[in-house]
Amino acid sequence: MKIVVNDIPPSNNQFIGRNKIWEYQDYKKTWHWLIKSAIKNKPKEPYEKAIVKITYHFADNIRRDPDNYSGKMILDPLVHERIIADDSFKNISLVLGATFGNKHKKIEIEITEV
């Protein structure tokens, strides 16, 4: 299953230790809606075990650390929308990747049941 969203969620650094709880909650709601609206061919039952590969396609060439793009705003909607049963280590293997210098920014989420 593949989900594409033509945007990139904010870095974790935008919120950690900055007392921006309401801004964070707004972003979570927005990203839930973006993920939900991009889901096509939802499985009948959530995947109990899956590999979730998130590829960030950045429009610029700025250096970014993978740990700042952990996928929190992406994984939570996948659980809520019943694509994956849970986002714990027992249920998913998370793979992060990135490309740089693209014409348009976007994320691609590939979910493979195992």
PDB file of N, CA and C in Angstrom:
ATOM      1  N   MET A   1       0.850  -1.167   0.000  1.00  0.00           N
ATOM      2  CA  MET A   1       0.000   0.000   0.000  1.00  0.00           C
ATOM      3  C   MET A   1       0.894   1.227   0.000  1.00  0.00           C
ATOM      4  N   LYS A   2       0.522   2.211  -0.810  1.00  0.00           N
ATOM      5  CA  LYS A   2       1.322   3.435  -0.891  1.00  0.00           C
ATOM      6  C   LYS A   2       0.426   4.654  -0.688  1.00  0.00           C
ATOM      7  N   ILE A   3       0.902   5.583   0.126  1.00  0.00           N
ATOM      8  CA  ILE A   3       0.194   6.831   0.402  1.00  0.00           C
ATOM      9  C   ILE A   3       1.150   7.970   0.074  1.00  0.00           C
ATOM     10  N   VAL A   4       0.665   8.957  -0.675  1.00  0.00           N
ATOM     11  CA  VAL A   4       1.486  10.116  -1.028  1.00  0.00           C
ATOM     12  C   VAL A   4       0.783  11.378  -0.541  1.00  0.00           C
ATOM     13  N   VAL A   5       1.528  12.225   0.155  1.00  0.00           N
ATOM     14  CA  VAL A   5       1.023  13.523   0.609  1.00  0.00           C
ATOM     15  C   VAL A   5       1.974  14.583   0.073  1.00  0.00           C
ATOM     16  N   ASN A   6       1.428  15.594  -0.569  1.00  0.00           N
ATOM     17  CA  ASN A   6       2.242  16.634  -1.190  1.00  0.00           C
ATOM     18  C   ASN A   6       2.646  17.726  -0.204  1.00  0.00           C
ATOM     19  N   ASP A   7       3.194  17.301   0.893  1.00  0.00           N
ATOM     20  CA  ASP A   7       3.718  18.202   1.925  1.00  0.00           C
ATOM     21  C   ASP A   7       4.632  17.370   2.812  1.00  0.00           C
ATOM     22  N   ILE A   8       5.321  18.037   3.712  1.00  0.00           N
ATOM     23  CA  ILE A   8       6.206  17.361   4.661  1.00  0.00           C
ATOM     24  C   ILE A   8       5.867  17.869   6.056  1.00  0.00           C
ATOM     25  N   PRO A   9       5.669  16.953   7.020  1.00  0.00           N
ATOM     26  CA  PRO A   9       5.350  17.408   8.376  1.00  0.00           C
ATOM     27  C   PRO A   9       6.532  18.151   8.988  1.00  0.00           C
ATOM     28  N   PRO A  10       6.251  18.978   9.989  1.00  0.00           N
ATOM     29  CA  PRO A  10       7.341  19.724  10.624  1.00  0.00           C
ATOM     30  C   PRO A  10       8.312  18.797  11.349  1.00  0.00           C
ATOM     31  N   SER A  11       9.527  19.258  11.481  1.00  0.00           N
ATOM     32  CA  SER A  11      10.558  18.554  12.238  1.00  0.00           C
ATOM     33  C   SER A  11      10.164  18.496  13.709  1.00  0.00           C
ATOM     34  N   ASN A  12      10.580  17.434  14.395  1.00  0.00           N
ATOM     35  CA  ASN A  12      10.341  17.341  15.842  1.00  0.00           C
ATOM     36  C   ASN A  12      10.939  18.534  16.571  1.00  0.00           C
ATOM     37  N   ASN A  13      12.037  19.080  16.057  1.00  0.00           N
ATOM     38  CA  ASN A  13      12.694  20.220  16.703  1.00  0.00           C
ATOM     39  C   ASN A  13      11.799  21.448  16.779  1.00  0.00           C
ATOM     40  N   GLN A  14      10.804  21.514  15.932  1.00  0.00           N
ATOM     41  CA  GLN A  14       9.907  22.664  15.947  1.00  0.00           C
ATOM     42  C   GLN A  14       9.095  22.715  17.241  1.00  0.00           C
ATOM     43  N   PHE A  15       8.934  21.575  17.911  1.00  0.00           N
ATOM     44  CA  PHE A  15       8.067  21.521  19.087  1.00  0.00           C
ATOM     45  C   PHE A  15       8.763  21.132  20.383  1.00  0.00           C
ATOM     46  N   ILE A  16       9.799  20.325  20.333  1.00  0.00           N
ATOM     47  CA  ILE A  16      10.421  19.799  21.548  1.00  0.00           C
ATOM     48  C   ILE A  16      10.977  20.936  22.402  1.00  0.00           C
ATOM     49  N   GLY A  17      10.509  20.994  23.651  1.00  0.00           N
ATOM     50  CA  GLY A  17      10.999  21.964  24.623  1.00  0.00           C
ATOM     51  C   GLY A  17      10.631  23.401  24.320  1.00  0.00           C
ATOM     52  N   ARG A  18       9.593  23.624  23.537  1.00  0.00           N
ATOM     53  CA  ARG A  18       9.267  24.995  23.138  1.00  0.00           C
ATOM     54  C   ARG A  18       7.888  25.457  23.616  1.00  0.00           C
ATOM     55  N   ASN A  19       7.219  24.677  24.443  1.00  0.00           N
ATOM     56  CA  ASN A  19       5.905  25.049  24.974  1.00  0.00           C
ATOM     57  C   ASN A  19       4.924  25.440  23.873  1.00  0.00           C
ATOM     58  N   LYS A  20       4.869  24.636  22.837  1.00  0.00           N
ATOM     59  CA  LYS A  20       3.969  24.908  21.714  1.00  0.00           C
ATOM     60  C   LYS A  20       2.922  23.801  21.594  1.00  0.00           C
ATOM     61  N   ILE A  21       2.323  23.431  22.713  1.00  0.00           N
ATOM     62  CA  ILE A  21       1.398  22.301  22.729  1.00  0.00           C
ATOM     63  C   ILE A  21       0.197  22.519  21.801  1.00  0.00           C
ATOM     64  N   TRP A  22      -0.348  23.733  21.770  1.00  0.00           N
ATOM     65  CA  TRP A  22      -1.534  23.975  20.940  1.00  0.00           C
ATOM     66  C   TRP A  22      -1.176  23.962  19.458  1.00  0.00           C
ATOM     67  N   GLU A  23      -0.027  24.531  19.126  1.00  0.00           N
ATOM     68  CA  GLU A  23       0.436  24.495  17.737  1.00  0.00           C
ATOM     69  C   GLU A  23       0.692  23.045  17.312  1.00  0.00           C
ATOM     70  N   TYR A  24       1.296  22.269  18.213  1.00  0.00           N
ATOM     71  CA  TYR A  24       1.551  20.854  17.947  1.00  0.00           C
ATOM     72  C   TYR A  24       0.243  20.104  17.694  1.00  0.00           C
ATOM     73  N   GLN A  25      -0.755  20.337  18.554  1.00  0.00           N
ATOM     74  CA  GLN A  25      -2.052  19.668  18.397  1.00  0.00           C
ATOM     75  C   GLN A  25      -2.712  20.043  17.074  1.00  0.00           C
ATOM     76  N   ASP A  26      -2.592  21.317  16.674  1.00  0.00           N
ATOM     77  CA  ASP A  26      -3.147  21.747  15.387  1.00  0.00           C
ATOM     78  C   ASP A  26      -2.469  21.024  14.227  1.00  0.00           C
ATOM     79  N   TYR A  27      -1.143  20.914  14.290  1.00  0.00           N
ATOM     80  CA  TYR A  27      -0.413  20.198  13.244  1.00  0.00           C
ATOM     81  C   TYR A  27      -0.816  18.726  13.207  1.00  0.00           C
ATOM     82  N   LYS A  28      -0.990  18.098  14.376  1.00  0.00           N
ATOM     83  CA  LYS A  28      -1.403  16.686  14.416  1.00  0.00           C
ATOM     84  C   LYS A  28      -2.755  16.495  13.739  1.00  0.00           C
ATOM     85  N   LYS A  29      -3.702  17.401  14.016  1.00  0.00           N
ATOM     86  CA  LYS A  29      -5.027  17.310  13.391  1.00  0.00           C
ATOM     87  C   LYS A  29      -4.928  17.493  11.879  1.00  0.00           C
ATOM     88  N   THR A  30      -4.145  18.474  11.465  1.00  0.00           N
ATOM     89  CA  THR A  30      -3.973  18.723  10.031  1.00  0.00           C
ATOM     90  C   THR A  30      -3.371  17.513   9.346  1.00  0.00           C
ATOM     91  N   TRP A  31      -2.336  16.926   9.953  1.00  0.00           N
ATOM     92  CA  TRP A  31      -1.683  15.770   9.343  1.00  0.00           C
ATOM     93  C   TRP A  31      -2.564  14.535   9.368  1.00  0.00           C
ATOM     94  N   HIS A  32      -3.396  14.408  10.374  1.00  0.00           N
ATOM     95  CA  HIS A  32      -4.348  13.292  10.370  1.00  0.00           C
ATOM     96  C   HIS A  32      -5.263  13.421   9.151  1.00  0.00           C
ATOM     97  N   TRP A  33      -5.772  14.618   8.939  1.00  0.00           N
ATOM     98  CA  TRP A  33      -6.665  14.840   7.806  1.00  0.00           C
ATOM     99  C   TRP A  33      -5.941  14.593   6.480  1.00  0.00           C
ATOM    100  N   LEU A  34      -4.696  15.080   6.346  1.00  0.00           N
ATOM    101  CA  LEU A  34      -3.932  14.887   5.110  1.00  0.00           C
ATOM    102  C   LEU A  34      -3.705  13.401   4.816  1.00  0.00           C
ATOM    103  N   ILE A  35      -3.325  12.652   5.848  1.00  0.00           N
ATOM    104  CA  ILE A  35      -3.093  11.211   5.668  1.00  0.00           C
ATOM    105  C   ILE A  35      -4.409  10.513   5.320  1.00  0.00           C
ATOM    106  N   LYS A  36      -5.456  10.813   6.079  1.00  0.00           N
ATOM    107  CA  LYS A  36      -6.763  10.185   5.842  1.00  0.00           C
ATOM    108  C   LYS A  36      -7.244  10.437   4.414  1.00  0.00           C
ATOM    109  N   SER A  37      -7.103  11.663   3.942  1.00  0.00           N
ATOM    110  CA  SER A  37      -7.598  11.990   2.600  1.00  0.00           C
ATOM    111  C   SER A  37      -6.759  11.354   1.494  1.00  0.00           C
ATOM    112  N   ALA A  38      -5.519  10.962   1.799  1.00  0.00           N
ATOM    113  CA  ALA A  38      -4.639  10.353   0.794  1.00  0.00           C
ATOM    114  C   ALA A  38      -4.741   8.829   0.750  1.00  0.00           C
ATOM    115  N   ILE A  39      -5.441   8.225   1.699  1.00  0.00           N
ATOM    116  CA  ILE A  39      -5.541   6.760   1.760  1.00  0.00           C
ATOM    117  C   ILE A  39      -6.469   6.249   0.663  1.00  0.00           C
ATOM    118  N   LYS A  40      -5.941   5.329  -0.117  1.00  0.00           N
ATOM    119  CA  LYS A  40      -6.717   4.640  -1.154  1.00  0.00           C
ATOM    120  C   LYS A  40      -6.645   3.140  -0.855  1.00  0.00           C
ATOM    121  N   ASN A  41      -7.697   2.430  -1.140  1.00  0.00           N
ATOM    122  CA  ASN A  41      -7.709   0.967  -0.964  1.00  0.00           C
ATOM    123  C   ASN A  41      -7.312   0.530   0.443  1.00  0.00           C
ATOM    124  N   LYS A  42      -8.036   1.020   1.409  1.00  0.00           N
ATOM    125  CA  LYS A  42      -7.801   0.674   2.808  1.00  0.00           C
ATOM    126  C   LYS A  42      -7.991  -0.831   3.026  1.00  0.00           C
ATOM    127  N   PRO A  43      -7.098  -1.473   3.801  1.00  0.00           N
ATOM    128  CA  PRO A  43      -7.276  -2.905   4.057  1.00  0.00           C
ATOM    129  C   PRO A  43      -8.535  -3.165   4.891  1.00  0.00           C
ATOM    130  N   LYS A  44      -9.098  -4.354   4.739  1.00  0.00           N
ATOM    131  CA  LYS A  44     -10.305  -4.693   5.504  1.00  0.00           C
ATOM    132  C   LYS A  44     -10.018  -4.742   6.994  1.00  0.00           C
ATOM    133  N   GLU A  45      -8.852  -5.230   7.333  1.00  0.00           N
ATOM    134  CA  GLU A  45      -8.401  -5.291   8.727  1.00  0.00           C
ATOM    135  C   GLU A  45      -7.028  -4.629   8.804  1.00  0.00           C
ATOM    136  N   PRO A  46      -6.727  -3.979   9.928  1.00  0.00           N
ATOM    137  CA  PRO A  46      -5.398  -3.356  10.051  1.00  0.00           C
ATOM    138  C   PRO A  46      -4.294  -4.407  10.046  1.00  0.00           C
ATOM    139  N   TYR A  47      -3.164  -4.054   9.489  1.00  0.00           N
ATOM    140  CA  TYR A  47      -2.018  -4.958   9.464  1.00  0.00           C
ATOM    141  C   TYR A  47      -1.470  -5.114  10.878  1.00  0.00           C
ATOM    142  N   GLU A  48      -1.395  -6.346  11.353  1.00  0.00           N
ATOM    143  CA  GLU A  48      -0.836  -6.617  12.684  1.00  0.00           C
ATOM    144  C   GLU A  48       0.676  -6.422  12.688  1.00  0.00           C
ATOM    145  N   LYS A  49       1.319  -6.812  11.606  1.00  0.00           N
ATOM    146  CA  LYS A  49       2.774  -6.655  11.455  1.00  0.00           C
ATOM    147  C   LYS A  49       3.014  -6.017  10.094  1.00  0.00           C
ATOM    148  N   ALA A  50       3.869  -5.007  10.079  1.00  0.00           N
ATOM    149  CA  ALA A  50       4.110  -4.315   8.813  1.00  0.00           C
ATOM    150  C   ALA A  50       5.469  -3.632   8.807  1.00  0.00           C
ATOM    151  N   ILE A  51       5.957  -3.415   7.605  1.00  0.00           N
ATOM    152  CA  ILE A  51       7.111  -2.546   7.394  1.00  0.00           C
ATOM    153  C   ILE A  51       6.539  -1.233   6.881  1.00  0.00           C
ATOM    154  N   VAL A  52       6.874  -0.149   7.562  1.00  0.00           N
ATOM    155  CA  VAL A  52       6.423   1.177   7.152  1.00  0.00           C
ATOM    156  C   VAL A  52       7.655   1.955   6.702  1.00  0.00           C
ATOM    157  N   LYS A  53       7.682   2.271   5.427  1.00  0.00           N
ATOM    158  CA  LYS A  53       8.798   3.038   4.869  1.00  0.00           C
ATOM    159  C   LYS A  53       8.294   4.439   4.545  1.00  0.00           C
ATOM    160  N   ILE A  54       8.914   5.439   5.174  1.00  0.00           N
ATOM    161  CA  ILE A  54       8.553   6.830   4.926  1.00  0.00           C
ATOM    162  C   ILE A  54       9.717   7.483   4.193  1.00  0.00           C
ATOM    163  N   THR A  55       9.436   7.993   3.002  1.00  0.00           N
ATOM    164  CA  THR A  55      10.459   8.697   2.236  1.00  0.00           C
ATOM    165  C   THR A  55      10.057  10.159   2.135  1.00  0.00           C
ATOM    166  N   TYR A  56      10.922  11.013   2.635  1.00  0.00           N
ATOM    167  CA  TYR A  56      10.720  12.458   2.578  1.00  0.00           C
ATOM    168  C   TYR A  56      11.411  12.983   1.326  1.00  0.00           C
ATOM    169  N   HIS A  57      10.684  13.694   0.503  1.00  0.00           N
ATOM    170  CA  HIS A  57      11.245  14.287  -0.709  1.00  0.00           C
ATOM    171  C   HIS A  57      11.301  15.802  -0.489  1.00  0.00           C
ATOM    172  N   PHE A  58      12.479  16.288  -0.119  1.00  0.00           N
ATOM    173  CA  PHE A  58      12.668  17.703   0.180  1.00  0.00           C
ATOM    174  C   PHE A  58      12.962  18.485  -1.097  1.00  0.00           C
ATOM    175  N   ALA A  59      12.453  19.708  -1.172  1.00  0.00           N
ATOM    176  CA  ALA A  59      12.673  20.551  -2.348  1.00  0.00           C
ATOM    177  C   ALA A  59      14.040  21.229  -2.317  1.00  0.00           C
ATOM    178  N   ASP A  60      14.669  21.273  -1.167  1.00  0.00           N
ATOM    179  CA  ASP A  60      15.971  21.936  -1.048  1.00  0.00           C
ATOM    180  C   ASP A  60      17.045  20.912  -0.697  1.00  0.00           C
ATOM    181  N   ASN A  61      18.227  21.385  -0.437  1.00  0.00           N
ATOM    182  CA  ASN A  61      19.349  20.496  -0.099  1.00  0.00           C
ATOM    183  C   ASN A  61      19.851  20.704   1.325  1.00  0.00           C
ATOM    184  N   ILE A  62      19.009  21.241   2.190  1.00  0.00           N
ATOM    185  CA  ILE A  62      19.401  21.504   3.576  1.00  0.00           C
ATOM    186  C   ILE A  62      19.621  20.182   4.309  1.00  0.00           C
ATOM    187  N   ARG A  63      20.671  20.127   5.113  1.00  0.00           N
ATOM    188  CA  ARG A  63      20.989  18.943   5.919  1.00  0.00           C
ATOM    189  C   ARG A  63      19.902  18.737   6.971  1.00  0.00           C
ATOM    190  N   ARG A  64      19.432  17.514   7.091  1.00  0.00           N
ATOM    191  CA  ARG A  64      18.414  17.177   8.091  1.00  0.00           C
ATOM    192  C   ARG A  64      18.781  15.857   8.756  1.00  0.00           C
ATOM    193  N   ASP A  65      18.498  15.761  10.054  1.00  0.00           N
ATOM    194  CA  ASP A  65      18.758  14.535  10.808  1.00  0.00           C
ATOM    195  C   ASP A  65      17.516  13.642  10.768  1.00  0.00           C
ATOM    196  N   PRO A  66      17.684  12.355  10.482  1.00  0.00           N
ATOM    197  CA  PRO A  66      16.531  11.448  10.437  1.00  0.00           C
ATOM    198  C   PRO A  66      15.739  11.401  11.745  1.00  0.00           C
ATOM    199  N   ASP A  67      16.416  11.527  12.891  1.00  0.00           N
ATOM    200  CA  ASP A  67      15.693  11.431  14.160  1.00  0.00           C
ATOM    201  C   ASP A  67      14.733  12.598  14.376  1.00  0.00           C
ATOM    202  N   ASN A  68      14.886  13.684  13.645  1.00  0.00           N
ATOM    203  CA  ASN A  68      13.952  14.803  13.742  1.00  0.00           C
ATOM    204  C   ASN A  68      12.718  14.594  12.868  1.00  0.00           C
ATOM    205  N   TYR A  69      12.733  13.535  12.087  1.00  0.00           N
ATOM    206  CA  TYR A  69      11.607  13.186  11.222  1.00  0.00           C
ATOM    207  C   TYR A  69      11.184  11.748  11.518  1.00  0.00           C
ATOM    208  N   SER A  70      10.819  11.512  12.768  1.00  0.00           N
ATOM    209  CA  SER A  70      10.520  10.158  13.254  1.00  0.00           C
ATOM    210  C   SER A  70       9.215   9.593  12.710  1.00  0.00           C
ATOM    211  N   GLY A  71       8.361  10.437  12.170  1.00  0.00           N
ATOM    212  CA  GLY A  71       7.109   9.950  11.612  1.00  0.00           C
ATOM    213  C   GLY A  71       5.926   9.980  12.560  1.00  0.00           C
ATOM    214  N   LYS A  72       6.047  10.624  13.695  1.00  0.00           N
ATOM    215  CA  LYS A  72       4.967  10.667  14.688  1.00  0.00           C
ATOM    216  C   LYS A  72       3.646  11.139  14.072  1.00  0.00           C
ATOM    217  N   MET A  73       3.704  12.214  13.293  1.00  0.00           N
ATOM    218  CA  MET A  73       2.476  12.760  12.714  1.00  0.00           C
ATOM    219  C   MET A  73       1.963  11.929  11.550  1.00  0.00           C
ATOM    220  N   ILE A  74       2.740  10.948  11.145  1.00  0.00           N
ATOM    221  CA  ILE A  74       2.338  10.049  10.068  1.00  0.00           C
ATOM    222  C   ILE A  74       1.822   8.728  10.639  1.00  0.00           C
ATOM    223  N   LEU A  75       2.514   8.188  11.626  1.00  0.00           N
ATOM    224  CA  LEU A  75       2.149   6.878  12.178  1.00  0.00           C
ATOM    225  C   LEU A  75       0.844   6.910  12.969  1.00  0.00           C
ATOM    226  N   ASP A  76       0.632   7.935  13.766  1.00  0.00           N
ATOM    227  CA  ASP A  76      -0.596   7.996  14.568  1.00  0.00           C
ATOM    228  C   ASP A  76      -1.860   7.940  13.699  1.00  0.00           C
ATOM    229  N   PRO A  77      -1.932   8.694  12.593  1.00  0.00           N
ATOM    230  CA  PRO A  77      -3.114   8.556  11.734  1.00  0.00           C
ATOM    231  C   PRO A  77      -3.245   7.170  11.099  1.00  0.00           C
ATOM    232  N   LEU A  78      -2.124   6.514  10.817  1.00  0.00           N
ATOM    233  CA  LEU A  78      -2.203   5.158  10.250  1.00  0.00           C
ATOM    234  C   LEU A  78      -2.853   4.191  11.232  1.00  0.00           C
ATOM    235  N   VAL A  79      -2.591   4.379  12.522  1.00  0.00           N
ATOM    236  CA  VAL A  79      -3.238   3.555  13.553  1.00  0.00           C
ATOM    237  C   VAL A  79      -4.713   3.940  13.660  1.00  0.00           C
ATOM    238  N   HIS A  80      -4.980   5.222  13.761  1.00  0.00           N
ATOM    239  CA  HIS A  80      -6.356   5.694  13.929  1.00  0.00           C
ATOM    240  C   HIS A  80      -7.243   5.299  12.748  1.00  0.00           C
ATOM    241  N   GLU A  81      -6.685   5.302  11.554  1.00  0.00           N
ATOM    242  CA  GLU A  81      -7.450   4.939  10.354  1.00  0.00           C
ATOM    243  C   GLU A  81      -7.440   3.436  10.082  1.00  0.00           C
ATOM    244  N   ARG A  82      -6.870   2.656  11.000  1.00  0.00           N
ATOM    245  CA  ARG A  82      -6.873   1.194  10.950  1.00  0.00           C
ATOM    246  C   ARG A  82      -6.128   0.632   9.736  1.00  0.00           C
ATOM    247  N   ILE A  83      -5.014   1.282   9.398  1.00  0.00           N
ATOM    248  CA  ILE A  83      -4.125   0.746   8.375  1.00  0.00           C
ATOM    249  C   ILE A  83      -3.154  -0.222   9.048  1.00  0.00           C
ATOM    250  N   ILE A  84      -2.613   0.194  10.192  1.00  0.00           N
ATOM    251  CA  ILE A  84      -1.762  -0.676  11.012  1.00  0.00           C
ATOM    252  C   ILE A  84      -2.412  -0.810  12.383  1.00  0.00           C
ATOM    253  N   ALA A  85      -2.220  -1.962  13.024  1.00  0.00           N
ATOM    254  CA  ALA A  85      -2.857  -2.222  14.322  1.00  0.00           C
ATOM    255  C   ALA A  85      -2.279  -1.343  15.423  1.00  0.00           C
ATOM    256  N   ASP A  86      -0.964  -1.122  15.374  1.00  0.00           N
ATOM    257  CA  ASP A  86      -0.293  -0.325  16.400  1.00  0.00           C
ATOM    258  C   ASP A  86       1.039   0.129  15.822  1.00  0.00           C
ATOM    259  N   ASP A  87       1.584   1.214  16.364  1.00  0.00           N
ATOM    260  CA  ASP A  87       2.872   1.700  15.857  1.00  0.00           C
ATOM    261  C   ASP A  87       4.024   1.378  16.809  1.00  0.00           C
ATOM    262  N   SER A  88       3.864   0.320  17.596  1.00  0.00           N
ATOM    263  CA  SER A  88       4.927  -0.091  18.515  1.00  0.00           C
ATOM    264  C   SER A  88       5.965  -0.936  17.775  1.00  0.00           C
ATOM    265  N   PHE A  89       7.122  -1.122  18.412  1.00  0.00           N
ATOM    266  CA  PHE A  89       8.172  -1.959  17.831  1.00  0.00           C
ATOM    267  C   PHE A  89       7.694  -3.393  17.595  1.00  0.00           C
ATOM    268  N   LYS A  90       6.736  -3.862  18.393  1.00  0.00           N
ATOM    269  CA  LYS A  90       6.219  -5.222  18.213  1.00  0.00           C
ATOM    270  C   LYS A  90       5.408  -5.370  16.928  1.00  0.00           C
ATOM    271  N   ASN A  91       4.906  -4.254  16.413  1.00  0.00           N
ATOM    272  CA  ASN A  91       4.023  -4.314  15.252  1.00  0.00           C
ATOM    273  C   ASN A  91       4.628  -3.804  13.949  1.00  0.00           C
ATOM    274  N   ILE A  92       5.554  -2.873  14.045  1.00  0.00           N
ATOM    275  CA  ILE A  92       6.092  -2.323  12.796  1.00  0.00           C
ATOM    276  C   ILE A  92       7.615  -2.242  12.818  1.00  0.00           C
ATOM    277  N   SER A  93       8.167  -2.294  11.633  1.00  0.00           N
ATOM    278  CA  SER A  93       9.562  -1.910  11.404  1.00  0.00           C
ATOM    279  C   SER A  93       9.483  -0.611  10.624  1.00  0.00           C
ATOM    280  N   LEU A  94      10.146   0.408  11.119  1.00  0.00           N
ATOM    281  CA  LEU A  94      10.089   1.732  10.504  1.00  0.00           C
ATOM    282  C   LEU A  94      11.372   1.997   9.731  1.00  0.00           C
ATOM    283  N   VAL A  95      11.217   2.368   8.476  1.00  0.00           N
ATOM    284  CA  VAL A  95      12.350   2.685   7.610  1.00  0.00           C
ATOM    285  C   VAL A  95      12.175   4.124   7.140  1.00  0.00           C
ATOM    286  N   LEU A  96      13.202   4.948   7.362  1.00  0.00           N
ATOM    287  CA  LEU A  96      13.155   6.347   6.940  1.00  0.00           C
ATOM    288  C   LEU A  96      14.140   6.583   5.808  1.00  0.00           C
ATOM    289  N   GLY A  97      13.748   7.394   4.859  1.00  0.00           N
ATOM    290  CA  GLY A  97      14.632   7.752   3.760  1.00  0.00           C
ATOM    291  C   GLY A  97      14.328   9.168   3.305  1.00  0.00           C
ATOM    292  N   ALA A  98      15.206   9.709   2.474  1.00  0.00           N
ATOM    293  CA  ALA A  98      15.001  11.072   1.981  1.00  0.00           C
ATOM    294  C   ALA A  98      15.682  11.265   0.639  1.00  0.00           C
ATOM    295  N   THR A  99      15.106  12.155  -0.150  1.00  0.00           N
ATOM    296  CA  THR A  99      15.748  12.647  -1.359  1.00  0.00           C
ATOM    297  C   THR A  99      15.749  14.166  -1.263  1.00  0.00           C
ATOM    298  N   PHE A 100      16.668  14.795  -1.983  1.00  0.00           N
ATOM    299  CA  PHE A 100      16.840  16.245  -1.876  1.00  0.00           C
ATOM    300  C   PHE A 100      16.871  16.883  -3.256  1.00  0.00           C
ATOM    301  N   GLY A 101      16.536  18.184  -3.288  1.00  0.00           N
ATOM    302  CA  GLY A 101      16.586  18.927  -4.537  1.00  0.00           C
ATOM    303  C   GLY A 101      15.471  18.567  -5.504  1.00  0.00           C
ATOM    304  N   ASN A 102      14.323  18.178  -4.980  1.00  0.00           N
ATOM    305  CA  ASN A 102      13.183  17.805  -5.815  1.00  0.00           C
ATOM    306  C   ASN A 102      12.398  19.045  -6.237  1.00  0.00           C
ATOM    307  N   LYS A 103      11.653  18.910  -7.305  1.00  0.00           N
ATOM    308  CA  LYS A 103      10.846  20.033  -7.784  1.00  0.00           C
ATOM    309  C   LYS A 103       9.757  20.390  -6.767  1.00  0.00           C
ATOM    310  N   HIS A 104       9.159  19.367  -6.163  1.00  0.00           N
ATOM    311  CA  HIS A 104       8.091  19.579  -5.181  1.00  0.00           C
ATOM    312  C   HIS A 104       8.364  18.729  -3.946  1.00  0.00           C
ATOM    313  N   LYS A 105       8.031  19.270  -2.779  1.00  0.00           N
ATOM    314  CA  LYS A 105       8.188  18.486  -1.553  1.00  0.00           C
ATOM    315  C   LYS A 105       6.983  17.561  -1.393  1.00  0.00           C
ATOM    316  N   LYS A 106       7.241  16.390  -0.823  1.00  0.00           N
ATOM    317  CA  LYS A 106       6.171  15.433  -0.553  1.00  0.00           C
ATOM    318  C   LYS A 106       6.723  14.314   0.312  1.00  0.00           C
ATOM    319  N   ILE A 107       5.813  13.501   0.833  1.00  0.00           N
ATOM    320  CA  ILE A 107       6.205  12.261   1.502  1.00  0.00           C
ATOM    321  C   ILE A 107       5.527  11.100   0.793  1.00  0.00           C
ATOM    322  N   GLU A 108       6.227   9.981   0.771  1.00  0.00           N
ATOM    323  CA  GLU A 108       5.667   8.731   0.283  1.00  0.00           C
ATOM    324  C   GLU A 108       5.734   7.739   1.433  1.00  0.00           C
ATOM    325  N   ILE A 109       4.612   7.122   1.719  1.00  0.00           N
ATOM    326  CA  ILE A 109       4.522   6.137   2.793  1.00  0.00           C
ATOM    327  C   ILE A 109       4.187   4.798   2.149  1.00  0.00           C
ATOM    328  N   GLU A 110       5.076   3.841   2.306  1.00  0.00           N
ATOM    329  CA  GLU A 110       4.841   2.502   1.774  1.00  0.00           C
ATOM    330  C   GLU A 110       4.645   1.558   2.952  1.00  0.00           C
ATOM    331  N   ILE A 111       3.511   0.868   2.966  1.00  0.00           N
ATOM    332  CA  ILE A 111       3.183  -0.047   4.053  1.00  0.00           C
ATOM    333  C   ILE A 111       3.070  -1.449   3.466  1.00  0.00           C
ATOM    334  N   THR A 112       3.895  -2.344   3.986  1.00  0.00           N
ATOM    335  CA  THR A 112       3.909  -3.719   3.506  1.00  0.00           C
ATOM    336  C   THR A 112       3.582  -4.653   4.665  1.00  0.00           C
ATOM    337  N   GLU A 113       2.536  -5.423   4.523  1.00  0.00           N
ATOM    338  CA  GLU A 113       2.180  -6.397   5.556  1.00  0.00           C
ATOM    339  C   GLU A 113       3.197  -7.532   5.543  1.00  0.00           C
ATOM    340  N   VAL A 114       3.613  -7.950   6.737  1.00  0.00           N
ATOM    341  CA  VAL A 114       4.561  -9.070   6.841  1.00  0.00           C
ATOM    342  C   VAL A 114       3.988 -10.169   7.723  1.00  0.00           C
TER     343      VAL A 114
END
